Every structure is written in C-alpha cells, then in structure tokens.
Amino acid sequence: MGSLSLFKDKIPLEEKCGIYKISCGQCNSVYIGQTGRSLEKRYSEHRRALDEGSFRTSAFARHCVEDQHNFDDSTFSLLHNANKGRLMT
C-alpha cells in the first residue's frame, strides 16, 4: 500500500509561516523574525513599514533607511516552518 503523503499538495514557500530571515543585500546585517502569517504577508508588512516610515513594526525597514540600503536587494528566507498557533522554538 502506497503512502498518501505523496499525493498531498505542497504548500508554496510564500504561504508558509514560521521563523524567517531577511538578509541585507548591501551589508552583513541579518534580521531574524517569526510570524504566524504567511511569509508573503509578513514581507509586505516590512515593505509597507519602509514605504510609510513606520519603523515600529520593522527593524529591517529602519535599517534600510538609516543606512540608506535598498530594501529590494534583500533576501527573505524561511529558517523553520511552524504551523500557525504552534509554539515557534
């Protein structure tokens, strides 16, 4: 009997949640965060914080402004997948 997990739809990376990393493309700065929302949504929140100058919600946006680094040069990656509502350790 085969495994049913082979037929399960894969969740696209941008729809996953968990612990993520943003690496600045212009220096060695790295931001580690966690979210129960999708990576795509959290990325857009960092972008909106930059656009609106609302650095209370994004230390990475503050870094980009203070050091005059381009947000679009950054890379966003998932370090650890965790389901929403689960303790992220």
N, C-alpha and C. Protein backbone atom coordinates (compact mmCIF):
# COMPACT_ATOMS: atom_id res chain seq x y z
N MET A 1 0.85 -1.17 0.00
CA MET A 1 0.00 0.00 0.00
C MET A 1 0.89 1.24 0.00
N GLY A 2 0.62 2.19 -0.88
CA GLY A 2 1.43 3.40 -1.01
C GLY A 2 1.09 4.43 0.04
N SER A 3 1.95 5.38 0.16
CA SER A 3 1.77 6.47 1.12
C SER A 3 0.90 7.57 0.52
N LEU A 4 -0.11 7.99 1.26
CA LEU A 4 -0.97 9.07 0.79
C LEU A 4 -0.26 10.41 0.81
N SER A 5 0.81 10.52 1.60
CA SER A 5 1.52 11.80 1.68
C SER A 5 2.17 12.17 0.35
N LEU A 6 2.35 11.21 -0.52
CA LEU A 6 2.93 11.51 -1.83
C LEU A 6 1.98 12.33 -2.69
N PHE A 7 0.69 12.27 -2.38
CA PHE A 7 -0.31 12.97 -3.17
C PHE A 7 -0.72 14.31 -2.55
N LYS A 8 -0.20 14.60 -1.39
CA LYS A 8 -0.57 15.83 -0.71
C LYS A 8 0.02 17.02 -1.48
N ASP A 9 -0.82 18.07 -1.63
CA ASP A 9 -0.35 19.29 -2.29
C ASP A 9 0.75 19.93 -1.46
N LYS A 10 1.80 20.34 -2.10
CA LYS A 10 2.88 21.06 -1.43
C LYS A 10 2.45 22.50 -1.20
N ILE A 11 2.76 23.03 -0.03
CA ILE A 11 2.44 24.42 0.27
C ILE A 11 3.58 25.27 -0.27
N PRO A 12 3.26 26.25 -1.11
CA PRO A 12 4.32 27.13 -1.63
C PRO A 12 5.03 27.86 -0.49
N LEU A 13 6.31 28.11 -0.65
CA LEU A 13 7.12 28.76 0.38
C LEU A 13 6.49 30.07 0.86
N GLU A 14 6.00 30.88 -0.06
CA GLU A 14 5.46 32.19 0.33
C GLU A 14 4.19 32.09 1.16
N GLU A 15 3.56 30.91 1.20
CA GLU A 15 2.35 30.72 2.01
C GLU A 15 2.65 30.10 3.37
N LYS A 16 3.89 29.73 3.61
CA LYS A 16 4.27 29.11 4.88
C LYS A 16 4.49 30.18 5.94
N CYS A 17 4.46 29.75 7.20
CA CYS A 17 4.76 30.65 8.31
C CYS A 17 5.81 29.99 9.18
N GLY A 18 6.41 30.78 10.05
CA GLY A 18 7.45 30.25 10.92
C GLY A 18 8.51 31.28 11.20
N ILE A 19 9.73 30.81 11.38
CA ILE A 19 10.87 31.67 11.66
C ILE A 19 11.56 31.98 10.35
N TYR A 20 11.79 33.26 10.11
CA TYR A 20 12.34 33.69 8.83
C TYR A 20 13.55 34.59 9.02
N LYS A 21 14.29 34.77 7.94
CA LYS A 21 15.48 35.62 7.96
C LYS A 21 15.42 36.57 6.79
N ILE A 22 15.75 37.84 7.06
CA ILE A 22 15.94 38.82 5.99
C ILE A 22 17.42 39.21 6.03
N SER A 23 18.09 39.03 4.90
CA SER A 23 19.50 39.40 4.79
C SER A 23 19.61 40.64 3.92
N CYS A 24 20.33 41.62 4.42
CA CYS A 24 20.55 42.85 3.65
C CYS A 24 21.50 42.52 2.50
N GLY A 25 21.18 43.00 1.32
CA GLY A 25 22.00 42.74 0.16
C GLY A 25 23.18 43.68 0.03
N GLN A 26 23.30 44.64 0.96
CA GLN A 26 24.36 45.62 0.84
C GLN A 26 25.33 45.63 2.02
N CYS A 27 25.06 44.79 3.02
CA CYS A 27 25.97 44.64 4.16
C CYS A 27 25.71 43.27 4.79
N ASN A 28 26.33 43.01 5.91
CA ASN A 28 26.17 41.70 6.56
C ASN A 28 25.02 41.66 7.56
N SER A 29 24.19 42.68 7.60
CA SER A 29 23.08 42.72 8.55
C SER A 29 22.04 41.65 8.23
N VAL A 30 21.54 41.03 9.29
CA VAL A 30 20.53 39.99 9.18
C VAL A 30 19.46 40.26 10.22
N TYR A 31 18.21 40.09 9.84
CA TYR A 31 17.08 40.22 10.76
C TYR A 31 16.41 38.85 10.84
N ILE A 32 16.22 38.37 12.05
CA ILE A 32 15.51 37.10 12.29
C ILE A 32 14.18 37.44 12.94
N GLY A 33 13.10 36.91 12.41
CA GLY A 33 11.78 37.16 12.96
C GLY A 33 10.93 35.90 12.90
N GLN A 34 9.76 36.00 13.47
CA GLN A 34 8.82 34.88 13.39
C GLN A 34 7.44 35.42 13.10
N THR A 35 6.66 34.64 12.40
CA THR A 35 5.30 35.06 12.06
C THR A 35 4.37 33.86 11.97
N GLY A 36 3.14 34.08 12.36
CA GLY A 36 2.09 33.10 12.18
C GLY A 36 1.32 33.35 10.90
N ARG A 37 1.65 34.48 10.25
CA ARG A 37 1.06 34.80 8.95
C ARG A 37 1.96 34.24 7.86
N SER A 38 1.51 34.30 6.65
CA SER A 38 2.34 33.80 5.55
C SER A 38 3.57 34.67 5.39
N LEU A 39 4.65 34.07 4.85
CA LEU A 39 5.86 34.84 4.58
C LEU A 39 5.57 36.00 3.64
N GLU A 40 4.72 35.74 2.66
CA GLU A 40 4.37 36.78 1.70
C GLU A 40 3.73 37.99 2.41
N LYS A 41 2.82 37.72 3.32
CA LYS A 41 2.15 38.80 4.06
C LYS A 41 3.15 39.54 4.94
N ARG A 42 4.00 38.81 5.64
CA ARG A 42 4.97 39.46 6.53
C ARG A 42 5.98 40.27 5.73
N TYR A 43 6.41 39.77 4.58
CA TYR A 43 7.31 40.53 3.72
C TYR A 43 6.65 41.85 3.31
N SER A 44 5.38 41.79 2.93
CA SER A 44 4.68 43.00 2.51
C SER A 44 4.52 43.98 3.68
N GLU A 45 4.42 43.46 4.91
CA GLU A 45 4.35 44.34 6.08
C GLU A 45 5.67 45.08 6.29
N HIS A 46 6.79 44.38 6.09
CA HIS A 46 8.10 45.04 6.17
C HIS A 46 8.20 46.12 5.09
N ARG A 47 7.76 45.80 3.89
CA ARG A 47 7.79 46.75 2.78
C ARG A 47 6.93 47.97 3.07
N ARG A 48 5.72 47.74 3.60
CA ARG A 48 4.81 48.84 3.92
C ARG A 48 5.41 49.73 5.01
N ALA A 49 6.06 49.12 6.01
CA ALA A 49 6.71 49.90 7.07
C ALA A 49 7.77 50.82 6.47
N LEU A 50 8.50 50.32 5.50
CA LEU A 50 9.51 51.15 4.82
C LEU A 50 8.84 52.28 4.06
N ASP A 51 7.82 51.96 3.29
CA ASP A 51 7.14 52.96 2.46
C ASP A 51 6.46 54.04 3.31
N GLU A 52 5.93 53.65 4.46
CA GLU A 52 5.19 54.59 5.31
C GLU A 52 6.06 55.25 6.38
N GLY A 53 7.30 54.76 6.51
CA GLY A 53 8.18 55.30 7.55
C GLY A 53 7.75 54.90 8.94
N SER A 54 7.07 53.76 9.05
CA SER A 54 6.56 53.25 10.32
C SER A 54 7.51 52.16 10.83
N PHE A 55 8.59 52.58 11.48
CA PHE A 55 9.63 51.63 11.86
C PHE A 55 9.33 50.88 13.15
N ARG A 56 8.22 51.18 13.76
CA ARG A 56 7.81 50.46 14.97
C ARG A 56 7.54 48.99 14.67
N THR A 57 7.13 48.70 13.43
CA THR A 57 6.77 47.33 13.08
C THR A 57 7.86 46.61 12.28
N SER A 58 8.96 47.31 11.96
CA SER A 58 10.01 46.65 11.17
C SER A 58 11.38 47.26 11.44
N ALA A 59 12.19 46.53 12.21
CA ALA A 59 13.57 46.96 12.45
C ALA A 59 14.37 46.90 11.14
N PHE A 60 14.00 45.99 10.26
CA PHE A 60 14.73 45.90 8.99
C PHE A 60 14.46 47.12 8.12
N ALA A 61 13.24 47.60 8.09
CA ALA A 61 12.92 48.82 7.34
C ALA A 61 13.71 49.99 7.91
N ARG A 62 13.82 50.06 9.23
CA ARG A 62 14.60 51.11 9.88
C ARG A 62 16.06 51.02 9.44
N HIS A 63 16.60 49.81 9.40
CA HIS A 63 17.98 49.60 8.95
C HIS A 63 18.17 50.14 7.53
N CYS A 64 17.25 49.82 6.64
CA CYS A 64 17.36 50.27 5.24
C CYS A 64 17.39 51.79 5.14
N VAL A 65 16.56 52.46 5.93
CA VAL A 65 16.51 53.91 5.89
C VAL A 65 17.76 54.52 6.53
N GLU A 66 18.10 54.07 7.72
CA GLU A 66 19.23 54.66 8.44
C GLU A 66 20.56 54.46 7.71
N ASP A 67 20.73 53.29 7.07
CA ASP A 67 21.99 53.00 6.38
C ASP A 67 21.90 53.26 4.88
N GLN A 68 20.75 53.76 4.43
CA GLN A 68 20.50 54.06 3.02
C GLN A 68 20.76 52.82 2.14
N HIS A 69 20.23 51.68 2.58
CA HIS A 69 20.34 50.44 1.83
C HIS A 69 19.03 50.16 1.11
N ASN A 70 19.14 49.51 -0.01
CA ASN A 70 17.98 49.23 -0.86
C ASN A 70 17.26 47.98 -0.36
N PHE A 71 16.01 48.15 0.04
CA PHE A 71 15.19 47.03 0.52
C PHE A 71 15.08 45.93 -0.53
N ASP A 72 15.02 46.32 -1.80
CA ASP A 72 14.84 45.34 -2.88
C ASP A 72 16.06 44.44 -3.09
N ASP A 73 17.20 44.80 -2.51
CA ASP A 73 18.39 43.95 -2.61
C ASP A 73 18.42 42.87 -1.54
N SER A 74 17.46 42.91 -0.62
CA SER A 74 17.45 41.95 0.49
C SER A 74 16.92 40.59 0.03
N THR A 75 17.26 39.56 0.80
CA THR A 75 16.72 38.22 0.55
C THR A 75 15.92 37.79 1.77
N PHE A 76 14.85 37.13 1.53
CA PHE A 76 13.89 36.70 2.55
C PHE A 76 13.83 35.19 2.49
N SER A 77 14.10 34.50 3.60
CA SER A 77 14.09 33.04 3.57
C SER A 77 13.47 32.47 4.83
N LEU A 78 12.93 31.27 4.70
CA LEU A 78 12.31 30.56 5.82
C LEU A 78 13.38 29.70 6.49
N LEU A 79 13.58 29.89 7.80
CA LEU A 79 14.55 29.10 8.54
C LEU A 79 13.91 27.86 9.15
N HIS A 80 12.67 28.03 9.64
CA HIS A 80 11.98 26.91 10.30
C HIS A 80 10.49 27.06 10.08
N ASN A 81 9.89 26.09 9.46
CA ASN A 81 8.46 26.10 9.23
C ASN A 81 7.72 25.72 10.52
N ALA A 82 6.70 26.47 10.87
CA ALA A 82 5.88 26.17 12.05
C ALA A 82 4.44 26.53 11.70
N ASN A 83 3.52 25.68 12.06
CA ASN A 83 2.12 25.95 11.81
C ASN A 83 1.63 27.10 12.67
N LYS A 84 0.72 27.87 12.13
CA LYS A 84 0.14 28.99 12.87
C LYS A 84 -0.46 28.48 14.16
N GLY A 85 -0.18 29.21 15.23
CA GLY A 85 -0.73 28.85 16.53
C GLY A 85 0.17 27.92 17.32
N ARG A 86 1.17 27.35 16.69
CA ARG A 86 2.10 26.47 17.40
C ARG A 86 3.24 27.29 17.97
N LEU A 87 3.79 26.83 19.06
CA LEU A 87 4.95 27.47 19.67
C LEU A 87 6.12 27.37 18.71
N MET A 88 6.71 28.49 18.39
CA MET A 88 7.85 28.51 17.49
C MET A 88 9.11 28.54 18.32
N THR A 89 9.86 27.44 18.33
CA THR A 89 11.10 27.39 19.11
C THR A 89 12.27 27.05 18.23
